[in-house]
Amino acid sequence: MASNFEKSHCLIDNLKARINKLAFKTQDTTKLFQRGDQVEVASQEWGYIGAYYTATIVSPIGNSHYRVRYKNLVNDDMSDLLVEIVKAFEIRPVPPKHEMLLVPEDIHMYDIVDVFDNDGWWIGYISGRHKENYKVYFPTTGENVAYSPHLLRFHQEWNKGNWISSN
């Protein structure tokens, strides 16, 4: 029979694999976005994989690309918000806020969450608690960092036009 230690390690290994799969997942491209739509763009850049950045659609470019203006990212000379062309599979709608905000009573060990840090939402899981903050482990970076609950939301995946909770 497996010990509690072995069960815990198996659970953590499964969580890491699940989060890595979500972080590297491409988005469902059946939804066509219009100018002015609020979206999140999944980073495909190494070191930022697993992060979603809020943006506004500036314009569609054919059926497979969009020009977006980021809400929190600036261009290289820091003179304006960053505008770039991204692939359709990197974009999803902004998750509904009323289902995302966390209160301490709802947060449990190993819940999959997004954390707002470094101008974007990063996927990880609750790995512990430190005073009023929650520790979040990020399998894509190997970091374990404590955050205030107001910076957390439950992770949701956009799948065929519907939001699916990861917990």
Protein backbone atom coordinates (compact mmCIF):
# COMPACT_ATOMS: atom_id res chain seq x y z
CA MET A 1 0.00 0.00 0.00
CA ALA A 2 1.31 3.46 -0.88
CA SER A 3 2.32 5.71 1.99
CA ASN A 4 0.89 9.22 2.45
CA PHE A 5 4.29 10.55 1.35
CA GLU A 6 4.13 8.56 -1.92
CA LYS A 7 0.51 9.63 -2.52
CA SER A 8 1.44 13.27 -1.94
CA HIS A 9 4.36 13.08 -4.41
CA CYS A 10 2.14 11.36 -6.98
CA LEU A 11 -0.47 14.13 -6.60
CA ILE A 12 2.19 16.85 -6.98
CA ASP A 13 3.69 15.14 -10.04
CA ASN A 14 0.22 14.93 -11.61
CA LEU A 15 -0.43 18.62 -10.86
CA LYS A 16 2.90 19.63 -12.41
CA ALA A 17 2.16 17.61 -15.55
CA ARG A 18 -1.37 19.02 -15.79
CA ILE A 19 -0.20 22.64 -15.41
CA ASN A 20 2.61 22.16 -17.93
CA LYS A 21 0.06 20.75 -20.38
CA LEU A 22 -2.22 23.77 -19.81
CA ALA A 23 0.67 26.23 -20.13
CA PHE A 24 1.74 24.81 -23.50
CA LYS A 25 -1.84 24.38 -24.78
CA THR A 26 -2.92 26.37 -27.81
CA GLN A 27 -6.31 28.05 -27.62
CA ASP A 28 -9.49 27.01 -29.39
CA THR A 29 -9.68 29.21 -32.50
CA THR A 30 -13.36 28.75 -33.28
CA LYS A 31 -14.22 32.14 -31.74
CA LEU A 32 -13.58 35.07 -34.01
CA PHE A 33 -12.70 38.27 -32.19
CA GLN A 34 -13.69 41.77 -33.26
CA ARG A 35 -12.03 45.15 -32.93
CA GLY A 36 -12.31 46.34 -29.32
CA ASP A 37 -12.76 42.86 -27.77
CA GLN A 38 -10.94 42.35 -24.47
CA VAL A 39 -8.79 39.20 -24.60
CA GLU A 40 -5.92 37.42 -22.94
CA VAL A 41 -2.87 36.45 -24.98
CA ALA A 42 -0.95 33.31 -23.99
CA SER A 43 2.77 33.92 -24.15
CA GLN A 44 4.70 31.50 -26.34
CA GLU A 45 8.05 33.03 -25.40
CA TRP A 46 10.45 30.94 -23.35
CA GLY A 47 10.50 32.12 -19.73
CA TYR A 48 6.96 33.48 -20.06
CA ILE A 49 5.12 30.29 -21.02
CA GLY A 50 2.16 29.85 -18.70
CA ALA A 51 1.43 33.59 -18.60
CA TYR A 52 -1.61 35.35 -20.04
CA TYR A 53 -1.51 39.06 -20.80
CA THR A 54 -4.64 41.22 -21.06
CA ALA A 55 -5.04 43.00 -24.39
CA THR A 56 -7.58 44.61 -26.71
CA ILE A 57 -8.11 43.52 -30.31
CA VAL A 58 -6.97 46.36 -32.59
CA SER A 59 -7.84 44.51 -35.79
CA PRO A 60 -8.14 41.02 -37.26
CA ILE A 61 -5.52 40.11 -39.84
CA GLY A 62 -6.94 37.40 -42.08
CA ASN A 63 -8.34 34.35 -40.27
CA SER A 64 -5.27 33.39 -38.31
CA HIS A 65 -3.79 36.55 -36.77
CA TYR A 66 -4.80 39.61 -34.77
CA ARG A 67 -3.17 42.92 -33.99
CA VAL A 68 -3.50 43.50 -30.21
CA ARG A 69 -2.70 46.34 -27.82
CA TYR A 70 -1.64 45.10 -24.39
CA LYS A 71 -3.13 46.62 -21.26
CA ASN A 72 0.03 46.36 -19.10
CA LEU A 73 2.97 45.81 -21.48
CA VAL A 74 4.84 48.73 -23.04
CA ASN A 75 7.00 49.01 -26.16
CA ASP A 76 10.81 48.98 -26.00
CA ASP A 77 11.20 52.74 -25.54
CA MET A 78 8.36 52.73 -22.97
CA SER A 79 6.56 55.51 -24.85
CA ASP A 80 3.28 53.64 -25.41
CA LEU A 81 1.45 50.38 -24.80
CA LEU A 82 2.86 47.46 -26.77
CA VAL A 83 1.05 46.60 -30.01
CA GLU A 84 1.92 43.35 -31.78
CA ILE A 85 0.57 40.74 -34.14
CA VAL A 86 -0.30 37.41 -32.53
CA LYS A 87 -1.64 34.11 -33.82
CA ALA A 88 -5.33 33.35 -33.30
CA PHE A 89 -4.54 30.22 -31.25
CA GLU A 90 -2.72 32.39 -28.67
CA ILE A 91 -5.88 34.37 -27.83
CA ARG A 92 -8.82 33.64 -25.56
CA PRO A 93 -11.58 35.85 -24.09
CA VAL A 94 -10.98 37.36 -20.66
CA PRO A 95 -12.34 34.90 -18.06
CA PRO A 96 -15.50 36.01 -16.22
CA LYS A 97 -14.49 37.91 -13.08
CA HIS A 98 -17.39 36.88 -10.88
CA GLU A 99 -16.20 33.26 -10.98
CA MET A 100 -12.50 33.97 -10.51
CA LEU A 101 -11.96 36.09 -7.40
CA LEU A 102 -10.81 34.10 -4.42
CA VAL A 103 -11.60 34.48 -0.77
CA PRO A 104 -9.44 32.70 1.82
CA GLU A 105 -12.19 30.23 2.78
CA ASP A 106 -12.33 28.96 -0.83
CA ILE A 107 -8.58 28.38 -1.27
CA HIS A 108 -7.29 24.87 -0.70
CA MET A 109 -3.99 23.07 -1.00
CA TYR A 110 -3.25 22.04 -4.61
CA ASP A 111 -5.95 24.28 -6.17
CA ILE A 112 -4.87 25.39 -9.64
CA VAL A 113 -4.80 29.18 -9.72
CA ASP A 114 -3.65 32.13 -11.80
CA VAL A 115 -1.54 34.78 -10.05
CA PHE A 116 -1.29 38.37 -11.27
CA ASP A 117 2.45 39.15 -11.30
CA ASN A 118 4.87 40.80 -13.73
CA ASP A 119 1.98 42.37 -15.71
CA GLY A 120 0.26 39.07 -16.48
CA TRP A 121 -1.62 36.07 -15.12
CA TRP A 122 0.63 33.07 -14.37
CA ILE A 123 -0.66 29.51 -13.85
CA GLY A 124 0.41 27.52 -10.80
CA TYR A 125 -1.00 25.63 -7.82
CA ILE A 126 -1.42 26.37 -4.12
CA SER A 127 1.52 24.74 -2.34
CA GLY A 128 1.12 26.16 1.16
CA ARG A 129 0.28 29.15 3.30
CA HIS A 130 2.49 31.77 4.94
CA LYS A 131 0.56 34.00 7.38
CA GLU A 132 -2.21 35.66 5.32
CA ASN A 133 -0.51 34.83 2.00
CA TYR A 134 -0.65 31.69 -0.13
CA LYS A 135 2.36 30.00 -1.64
CA VAL A 136 2.01 29.20 -5.31
CA TYR A 137 4.28 26.78 -7.14
CA PHE A 138 4.88 27.43 -10.85
CA PRO A 139 5.93 24.22 -12.66
CA THR A 140 6.98 26.14 -15.80
CA THR A 141 9.60 28.15 -13.84
CA GLY A 142 10.19 26.01 -10.74
CA GLU A 143 9.45 28.97 -8.45
CA ASN A 144 7.44 28.84 -5.21
CA VAL A 145 6.27 32.33 -4.18
CA ALA A 146 3.86 33.71 -1.53
CA TYR A 147 1.01 35.98 -2.74
CA SER A 148 -1.86 37.88 -1.20
CA PRO A 149 -5.26 36.32 -1.99
CA HIS A 150 -6.34 39.43 -3.96
CA LEU A 151 -3.71 38.54 -6.61
CA LEU A 152 -5.18 35.06 -7.16
CA ARG A 153 -8.00 33.69 -9.28
CA PHE A 154 -9.07 30.10 -9.95
CA HIS A 155 -7.65 28.94 -13.26
CA GLN A 156 -10.16 28.37 -16.05
CA GLU A 157 -9.65 27.04 -19.57
CA TRP A 158 -11.47 28.28 -22.66
CA ASN A 159 -12.69 25.18 -24.49
CA LYS A 160 -15.05 25.22 -27.49
CA GLY A 161 -16.77 28.42 -26.43
CA ASN A 162 -17.10 27.57 -22.73
CA TRP A 163 -15.12 28.28 -19.59
CA ILE A 164 -14.07 25.09 -17.77
CA SER A 165 -12.83 25.24 -14.17
CA SER A 166 -9.49 23.52 -13.55
CA ASN A 167 -10.37 22.60 -9.97
